[in-house]
Amino acid sequence: MIGGARAALLLVALAGLGACEAKRTDETPPEETPGPAVEAVDPQAAESLSRAIWDAGQAQVADTQAAVEALNRAVATLLEKPSEDHLEAAKLAWLDAHREFAAALPYIRLAFAPASMREQGRELLLAVDSWPAQPGYLDTVPGYSESGIVNDTAVELTLANLRRQHRLTAHEEASTGFHALEVMLWGPTSERAASDFTAVSAGEKPEALAANRRRALTGLMAEALAEDFDKLARRLPYGANDLSRPFLALDPVARLQQIRAIHTQVLDEELLRRLPESSESDVESSRAADSKQAILAALRTLQANWQPASGPGLSVLLLDRYQQEALAERFVALEELLLKMEDPIELAKLEELGEARQLLEALAGLMSGTVEVPAAEEDMTPVSVRDQ
């Protein structure tokens, strides 16, 4: 279930941790990463695992950056030579980049976990993943032929202006990020044609025509994504940035506590939020039919960190045997459930949505260590009471 360069890197870094013997530590996690006290964790094992997870995050962000660059190139090709094949290639590049980003999300949240970094992290995620995106804010929609930035010539189409327009008066007014670009590629009604990106040279001011502004807007969105992930990738390596320093400054056991806190937050604030409470919800744009795959990508990152295919992960250091077994069962059950659900997930059956929410909540409880799992009956040691 776990694959790719990120998982391989993590597994290599984890090699040898199994030989570490557990011992108690009195280290207390920092105030900004509260959680259950971590006992009997070997500091050397915590050091190796915490660095392995950071390294895996750096690799995953690099993969995301490469996928976003490929998306940028695909969009450029579409704009240079509009065709249905090039439009389809741009959509496929979007899907690949979006899933790579979803897999990187737990690592990005970890990088910006310190209180001094949280606002920067929030701004980054709002820039690249603000959703839902209102189609009428960007382009022509049925019944409103003059709607959107493509028709508003008062908005000069520059990268700086595009960022200023982002979430200008409402959260759904996205002008940058994956879901804004999704609107441009799939179209406001999921009926985008390649001809919509054909350049028009007629008139005194062809640059003011909606078709040409659509081309400019789409290109700028792809450029903004590439710029954001390039900046992020350059801030992650050890010693060359300001992101790894606060993480490395923590005691190794405290780092595990910070990772644990971030992972439970990702389950609660990101994945549960993306899972609709009913089949009527529109919590995320469904045009790309990608909401389920994005959830799966993020879950596989969490699974690779907690229970990798080989070598110990977070569950071995932070959970007891019964919690580890329950966590593994929930991961398998949730993946199996998601794989058989509709994609986009908004179309799934109500009972499946409810079951998925319960499994996500169970994962969060187990990861946090607040849920105790009783020993199985066959593991209980029988006690014999003899008459005196």
Protein backbone atom coordinates (compact mmCIF):
# COMPACT_ATOMS: atom_id res chain seq x y z
CA MET A 1 0.00 0.00 0.00
CA ILE A 2 2.93 2.29 0.46
CA GLY A 3 5.07 3.15 -2.53
CA GLY A 4 7.19 5.77 -4.23
CA ALA A 5 10.49 7.48 -3.50
CA ARG A 6 9.21 8.98 -0.24
CA ALA A 7 8.39 5.59 1.31
CA ALA A 8 11.68 4.11 0.11
CA LEU A 9 13.66 6.97 1.63
CA LEU A 10 11.79 6.62 4.90
CA LEU A 11 12.36 2.85 5.05
CA VAL A 12 16.11 3.22 4.44
CA ALA A 13 16.38 5.84 7.17
CA LEU A 14 14.44 3.62 9.56
CA ALA A 15 16.80 0.65 9.15
CA GLY A 16 18.51 -0.26 12.38
CA LEU A 17 16.00 1.35 14.68
CA GLY A 18 14.61 -2.03 15.70
CA ALA A 19 17.78 -2.82 17.67
CA CYS A 20 17.28 0.14 19.99
CA GLU A 21 16.22 -0.80 23.51
CA ALA A 22 13.49 1.25 25.16
CA LYS A 23 14.19 3.34 28.24
CA ARG A 24 12.31 6.05 30.14
CA THR A 25 12.83 9.72 29.45
CA ASP A 26 11.64 12.67 31.51
CA GLU A 27 11.61 15.05 28.55
CA THR A 28 8.46 17.17 28.37
CA PRO A 29 7.11 18.22 24.95
CA PRO A 30 7.04 21.96 24.25
CA GLU A 31 3.93 23.86 25.19
CA GLU A 32 2.92 24.33 21.56
CA THR A 33 2.70 20.56 20.90
CA PRO A 34 0.62 19.16 23.79
CA GLY A 35 -0.06 15.45 23.96
CA PRO A 36 0.22 12.37 26.13
CA ALA A 37 3.56 11.95 27.85
CA VAL A 38 5.94 9.74 25.87
CA GLU A 39 7.52 7.13 28.10
CA ALA A 40 10.13 4.44 27.46
CA VAL A 41 11.35 5.93 24.21
CA ASP A 42 15.02 5.59 23.38
CA PRO A 43 16.28 9.10 22.49
CA GLN A 44 18.53 7.61 19.80
CA ALA A 45 15.56 5.86 18.18
CA ALA A 46 13.55 9.09 18.41
CA GLU A 47 16.43 11.02 16.81
CA SER A 48 16.69 8.60 13.88
CA LEU A 49 12.97 8.35 13.29
CA SER A 50 12.28 12.08 13.55
CA ARG A 51 15.05 12.85 11.05
CA ALA A 52 13.82 10.07 8.76
CA ILE A 53 10.36 11.63 8.72
CA TRP A 54 11.76 15.09 7.97
CA ASP A 55 13.86 13.62 5.14
CA ALA A 56 10.81 11.83 3.74
CA GLY A 57 8.95 15.14 3.85
CA GLN A 58 11.71 16.91 1.97
CA ALA A 59 11.61 14.17 -0.70
CA GLN A 60 7.82 14.36 -0.99
CA VAL A 61 7.84 18.16 -1.35
CA ALA A 62 10.50 17.75 -4.06
CA ASP A 63 8.21 15.30 -5.84
CA THR A 64 5.36 17.78 -5.54
CA GLN A 65 7.53 20.57 -6.89
CA ALA A 66 8.48 18.42 -9.90
CA ALA A 67 4.82 17.55 -10.53
CA VAL A 68 3.82 21.22 -10.33
CA GLU A 69 6.58 22.14 -12.77
CA ALA A 70 5.25 19.45 -15.13
CA LEU A 71 1.78 20.94 -14.72
CA ASN A 72 3.16 24.39 -15.54
CA ARG A 73 4.74 23.02 -18.72
CA ALA A 74 1.54 21.23 -19.70
CA VAL A 75 -0.46 24.44 -19.28
CA ALA A 76 2.12 26.34 -21.34
CA THR A 77 1.82 23.76 -24.12
CA LEU A 78 -1.96 24.02 -24.03
CA LEU A 79 -1.81 27.80 -24.35
CA GLU A 80 0.77 27.63 -27.13
CA LYS A 81 -1.12 25.00 -29.16
CA PRO A 82 -4.70 24.57 -27.91
CA SER A 83 -5.99 21.08 -28.68
CA GLU A 84 -8.13 18.50 -26.93
CA ASP A 85 -5.07 16.29 -26.44
CA HIS A 86 -3.13 19.12 -24.80
CA LEU A 87 -6.12 20.00 -22.61
CA GLU A 88 -6.38 16.39 -21.49
CA ALA A 89 -2.63 16.32 -20.79
CA ALA A 90 -2.95 19.45 -18.64
CA LYS A 91 -5.81 17.87 -16.68
CA LEU A 92 -3.79 14.71 -16.07
CA ALA A 93 -0.83 16.82 -14.94
CA TRP A 94 -3.16 18.67 -12.54
CA LEU A 95 -4.38 15.37 -11.08
CA ASP A 96 -0.82 14.12 -10.58
CA ALA A 97 0.34 17.37 -8.95
CA HIS A 98 -2.72 17.57 -6.71
CA ARG A 99 -2.19 14.04 -5.40
CA GLU A 100 1.51 14.66 -4.80
CA PHE A 101 0.53 17.77 -2.85
CA ALA A 102 -2.01 15.80 -0.77
CA ALA A 103 0.74 13.31 0.11
CA ALA A 104 2.99 16.22 1.12
CA LEU A 105 0.37 17.94 3.26
CA PRO A 106 1.27 16.25 6.60
CA TYR A 107 4.92 17.19 6.06
CA ILE A 108 4.07 20.78 5.16
CA ARG A 109 1.95 21.09 8.30
CA LEU A 110 4.88 19.73 10.32
CA ALA A 111 7.33 22.23 8.78
CA PHE A 112 5.16 25.13 9.90
CA ALA A 113 4.20 23.68 13.30
CA PRO A 114 6.14 26.19 15.49
CA ALA A 115 4.03 29.11 16.69
CA SER A 116 6.35 31.57 14.96
CA MET A 117 5.80 29.82 11.61
CA ARG A 118 2.09 29.02 11.72
CA GLU A 119 0.85 32.16 9.98
CA GLN A 120 3.32 31.59 7.14
CA GLY A 121 2.08 28.01 6.81
CA ARG A 122 -1.53 29.13 6.82
CA GLU A 123 -0.84 31.69 4.09
CA LEU A 124 0.96 29.10 1.96
CA LEU A 125 -1.84 26.55 2.21
CA LEU A 126 -4.46 29.18 1.45
CA ALA A 127 -2.45 30.23 -1.61
CA VAL A 128 -2.08 26.71 -3.02
CA ASP A 129 -5.15 24.85 -1.76
CA SER A 130 -8.00 27.28 -1.07
CA TRP A 131 -11.32 25.55 -1.73
CA PRO A 132 -13.99 25.55 -2.81
CA ALA A 133 -13.27 27.94 -5.68
CA GLN A 134 -16.22 29.96 -6.96
CA PRO A 135 -16.33 29.58 -10.78
CA GLY A 136 -18.15 32.88 -11.29
CA TYR A 137 -15.31 34.75 -9.59
CA LEU A 138 -12.98 33.58 -12.35
CA ASP A 139 -14.83 32.95 -15.56
CA THR A 140 -18.10 33.20 -17.44
CA VAL A 141 -20.87 31.04 -15.96
CA PRO A 142 -24.33 30.24 -17.36
CA GLY A 143 -26.62 33.24 -17.04
CA TYR A 144 -23.75 35.64 -16.35
CA SER A 145 -21.89 36.23 -19.60
CA GLU A 146 -19.77 39.05 -18.16
CA SER A 147 -18.81 37.39 -14.86
CA GLY A 148 -15.35 36.68 -13.55
CA ILE A 149 -11.87 38.10 -13.72
CA VAL A 150 -11.65 37.09 -17.37
CA ASN A 151 -14.24 39.77 -18.13
CA ASP A 152 -13.15 42.37 -15.58
CA THR A 153 -10.67 44.50 -17.48
CA ALA A 154 -10.20 46.69 -14.40
CA VAL A 155 -8.05 43.86 -13.01
CA GLU A 156 -4.66 43.98 -14.70
CA LEU A 157 -3.48 40.42 -15.13
CA THR A 158 -0.13 40.24 -13.38
CA LEU A 159 1.07 37.72 -10.83
CA ALA A 160 1.06 40.36 -8.09
CA ASN A 161 -2.51 41.41 -8.91
CA LEU A 162 -3.62 37.79 -9.06
CA ARG A 163 -2.36 37.24 -5.53
CA ARG A 164 -4.08 40.43 -4.35
CA GLN A 165 -7.39 39.21 -5.80
CA HIS A 166 -7.11 35.89 -3.95
CA ARG A 167 -9.88 35.58 -1.32
CA LEU A 168 -10.37 39.34 -1.65
CA THR A 169 -13.83 39.60 -0.05
CA ALA A 170 -14.81 35.96 0.59
CA HIS A 171 -13.02 32.67 1.18
CA GLU A 172 -14.47 31.08 -1.97
CA GLU A 173 -13.03 33.85 -4.16
CA ALA A 174 -9.91 31.85 -4.99
CA SER A 175 -7.69 33.19 -7.76
CA THR A 176 -4.58 31.10 -7.05
CA GLY A 177 -4.00 27.48 -6.15
CA PHE A 178 -5.03 24.06 -7.38
CA HIS A 179 -8.77 24.58 -7.24
CA ALA A 180 -8.77 27.92 -9.02
CA LEU A 181 -6.68 26.34 -11.79
CA GLU A 182 -9.08 23.40 -11.74
CA VAL A 183 -11.93 25.76 -12.66
CA MET A 184 -9.93 27.04 -15.62
CA LEU A 185 -8.99 23.58 -16.94
CA TRP A 186 -12.29 21.76 -16.39
CA GLY A 187 -14.45 24.82 -16.96
CA PRO A 188 -17.11 26.33 -14.67
CA THR A 189 -19.60 23.63 -15.74
CA SER A 190 -17.11 20.81 -16.44
CA GLU A 191 -17.47 21.37 -20.18
CA ARG A 192 -14.22 23.12 -21.03
CA ALA A 193 -13.16 22.90 -24.67
CA ALA A 194 -9.62 23.44 -25.92
CA SER A 195 -10.95 26.12 -28.25
CA ASP A 196 -11.69 28.25 -25.18
CA PHE A 197 -7.93 28.82 -24.99
CA THR A 198 -7.48 29.91 -28.60
CA ALA A 199 -5.84 33.34 -28.89
CA VAL A 200 -7.91 36.07 -30.55
CA SER A 201 -6.20 38.94 -32.41
CA ALA A 202 -9.27 40.95 -33.52
CA GLY A 203 -10.13 44.42 -32.19
CA GLU A 204 -8.17 47.42 -31.03
CA LYS A 205 -7.33 45.85 -27.65
CA PRO A 206 -7.18 42.07 -28.11
CA GLU A 207 -5.59 41.70 -24.67
CA ALA A 208 -8.90 42.85 -23.17
CA LEU A 209 -10.93 40.08 -24.82
CA ALA A 210 -12.22 37.36 -22.51
CA ALA A 211 -10.54 34.56 -24.49
CA ASN A 212 -7.13 36.20 -24.21
CA ARG A 213 -7.63 37.08 -20.56
CA ARG A 214 -8.62 33.46 -19.89
CA ARG A 215 -5.32 32.38 -21.43
CA ALA A 216 -3.36 34.88 -19.35
CA LEU A 217 -5.20 34.01 -16.15
CA THR A 218 -4.67 30.27 -16.57
CA GLY A 219 -0.96 30.73 -17.27
CA LEU A 220 -0.51 32.96 -14.24
CA MET A 221 -2.21 30.43 -11.96
CA ALA A 222 0.18 27.68 -13.05
CA GLU A 223 3.12 30.07 -12.62
CA ALA A 224 1.98 31.02 -9.10
CA LEU A 225 1.80 27.36 -8.05
CA ALA A 226 5.29 26.69 -9.38
CA GLU A 227 6.63 29.74 -7.57
CA ASP A 228 5.05 28.74 -4.25
CA PHE A 229 6.41 25.19 -4.29
CA ASP A 230 9.85 26.31 -5.45
CA LYS A 231 10.09 28.62 -2.44
CA LEU A 232 8.92 25.87 -0.09
CA ALA A 233 11.37 23.29 -1.44
CA ARG A 234 14.28 25.67 -0.92
CA ARG A 235 13.38 26.16 2.76
CA LEU A 236 13.36 22.49 3.80
CA PRO A 237 16.96 21.17 3.63
CA TYR A 238 18.93 21.03 6.88
CA GLY A 239 21.14 24.02 7.59
CA ALA A 240 20.07 26.05 4.57
CA ASN A 241 16.79 27.48 5.82
CA ASP A 242 14.64 28.52 8.74
CA LEU A 243 12.17 25.62 8.67
CA SER A 244 14.23 22.69 9.94
CA ARG A 245 15.94 24.68 12.73
CA PRO A 246 13.01 24.83 15.18
CA PHE A 247 12.34 21.14 14.57
CA LEU A 248 15.95 20.13 15.20
CA ALA A 249 16.12 22.39 18.25
CA LEU A 250 13.54 20.16 19.96
CA ASP A 251 14.54 17.18 22.03
CA PRO A 252 14.16 14.07 19.79
CA VAL A 253 11.31 12.71 21.91
CA ALA A 254 9.59 16.10 21.75
CA ARG A 255 9.90 15.97 17.96
CA LEU A 256 7.87 12.76 17.97
CA GLN A 257 5.25 14.50 20.09
CA GLN A 258 5.13 17.35 17.58
CA ILE A 259 4.72 14.92 14.68
CA ARG A 260 1.99 13.08 16.58
CA ALA A 261 0.12 16.34 17.25
CA ILE A 262 0.38 17.44 13.60
CA HIS A 263 -0.84 14.09 12.30
CA THR A 264 -3.92 14.11 14.50
CA GLN A 265 -4.59 17.69 13.36
CA VAL A 266 -4.31 16.62 9.71
CA LEU A 267 -6.90 13.91 10.30
CA ASP A 268 -9.24 16.26 12.10
CA GLU A 269 -8.74 19.58 10.30
CA GLU A 270 -7.89 18.42 6.79
CA LEU A 271 -9.23 14.94 5.99
CA LEU A 272 -12.41 14.96 8.05
CA ARG A 273 -13.16 18.42 6.71
CA ARG A 274 -12.87 17.14 3.15
CA LEU A 275 -15.21 14.22 3.86
CA PRO A 276 -18.82 15.38 3.42
CA GLU A 277 -21.31 14.64 6.16
CA SER A 278 -23.91 13.86 3.52
CA SER A 279 -24.04 13.09 -0.18
CA GLU A 280 -25.61 16.52 -0.70
CA SER A 281 -22.52 18.40 0.50
CA ASP A 282 -20.19 20.27 -1.83
CA VAL A 283 -17.20 20.53 0.48
CA GLU A 284 -14.68 20.33 -2.35
CA SER A 285 -14.82 20.87 -6.06
CA SER A 286 -15.83 17.62 -7.72
CA ARG A 287 -15.01 18.52 -11.31
CA ALA A 288 -11.64 16.76 -11.21
CA ALA A 289 -13.11 13.60 -9.66
CA ASP A 290 -10.09 13.65 -7.36
CA SER A 291 -11.34 14.21 -3.82
CA LYS A 292 -11.10 10.53 -2.85
CA GLN A 293 -7.62 10.10 -4.33
CA ALA A 294 -6.38 13.17 -2.47
CA ILE A 295 -7.60 11.71 0.85
CA LEU A 296 -5.96 8.38 0.04
CA ALA A 297 -2.65 10.09 -0.79
CA ALA A 298 -2.56 11.89 2.56
CA LEU A 299 -3.54 8.72 4.44
CA ARG A 300 -0.74 6.75 2.80
CA THR A 301 1.76 9.33 4.02
CA LEU A 302 0.45 8.93 7.56
CA GLN A 303 0.59 5.15 7.25
CA ALA A 304 4.17 5.29 5.94
CA ASN A 305 5.16 7.31 9.02
CA TRP A 306 3.28 5.24 11.58
CA GLN A 307 3.48 1.73 10.19
CA PRO A 308 5.92 1.46 7.27
CA ALA A 309 6.10 -1.73 5.22
CA SER A 310 9.34 -2.65 7.01
CA GLY A 311 11.14 -1.28 10.04
CA PRO A 312 9.60 0.47 13.03
CA GLY A 313 7.56 3.63 12.69
CA LEU A 314 5.87 6.01 15.08
CA SER A 315 3.44 3.37 16.33
CA VAL A 316 6.28 1.18 17.65
CA LEU A 317 7.73 4.05 19.67
CA LEU A 318 4.53 5.75 20.82
CA LEU A 319 1.83 3.07 21.12
CA ASP A 320 1.41 -0.21 22.95
CA ARG A 321 0.96 -3.49 21.16
CA TYR A 322 -2.82 -3.42 21.16
CA GLN A 323 -2.99 0.16 19.93
CA GLN A 324 -0.58 -0.74 17.13
CA GLU A 325 -2.76 -3.65 16.04
CA ALA A 326 -5.91 -1.53 16.15
CA LEU A 327 -4.22 1.24 14.15
CA ALA A 328 -3.15 -1.23 11.44
CA GLU A 329 -6.67 -2.62 11.23
CA ARG A 330 -8.19 0.88 10.88
CA PHE A 331 -5.73 1.85 8.13
CA VAL A 332 -6.61 -1.27 6.14
CA ALA A 333 -10.35 -0.91 6.72
CA LEU A 334 -10.38 2.76 5.72
CA GLU A 335 -8.36 2.21 2.55
CA GLU A 336 -10.59 -0.68 1.49
CA LEU A 337 -13.67 1.42 2.15
CA LEU A 338 -12.38 4.44 0.27
CA LEU A 339 -11.30 2.38 -2.73
CA LYS A 340 -14.82 1.09 -3.26
CA MET A 341 -16.48 4.48 -2.76
CA GLU A 342 -17.42 6.85 -5.57
CA ASP A 343 -14.90 9.40 -6.78
CA PRO A 344 -15.62 12.28 -6.34
CA ILE A 345 -16.36 11.21 -2.81
CA GLU A 346 -19.30 13.62 -2.62
CA LEU A 347 -21.28 11.03 -4.59
CA ALA A 348 -20.66 8.22 -2.10
CA LYS A 349 -23.44 6.48 -0.18
CA LEU A 350 -24.44 8.06 3.12
CA GLU A 351 -23.62 4.94 5.11
CA GLU A 352 -20.16 4.77 3.54
CA LEU A 353 -19.48 8.42 4.34
CA GLY A 354 -20.51 7.84 7.95
CA GLU A 355 -18.31 4.76 8.25
CA ALA A 356 -15.34 6.61 6.76
CA ARG A 357 -15.77 9.46 9.23
CA GLN A 358 -15.84 6.98 12.11
CA LEU A 359 -12.65 5.32 10.90
CA LEU A 360 -10.88 8.68 10.54
CA GLU A 361 -11.92 9.63 14.07
CA ALA A 362 -10.69 6.24 15.34
CA LEU A 363 -7.32 6.78 13.65
CA ALA A 364 -6.99 10.19 15.29
CA GLY A 365 -7.80 8.76 18.72
CA LEU A 366 -5.30 5.94 18.37
CA MET A 367 -2.51 8.17 17.04
CA SER A 368 -3.01 10.64 19.87
CA GLY A 369 -2.65 7.82 22.40
CA THR A 370 -5.86 8.85 24.16
CA VAL A 371 -7.74 5.69 23.13
CA GLU A 372 -6.82 2.58 25.07
CA VAL A 373 -7.34 -0.82 23.48
CA PRO A 374 -8.06 -3.69 25.85
CA ALA A 375 -6.05 -6.88 25.50
CA ALA A 376 -7.67 -9.68 23.56
CA GLU A 377 -9.17 -12.45 25.67
CA GLU A 378 -6.66 -15.00 24.39
CA ASP A 379 -3.83 -12.72 25.58
CA MET A 380 -5.11 -12.62 29.14
CA THR A 381 -3.11 -14.71 31.65
CA PRO A 382 -5.49 -17.05 33.50
CA VAL A 383 -5.39 -16.78 37.29
CA SER A 384 -6.01 -19.85 39.42
CA VAL A 385 -7.49 -19.39 42.90
CA ARG A 386 -7.04 -22.33 45.22
CA ASP A 387 -8.94 -22.99 48.38
CA GLN A 388 -6.85 -22.35 51.44
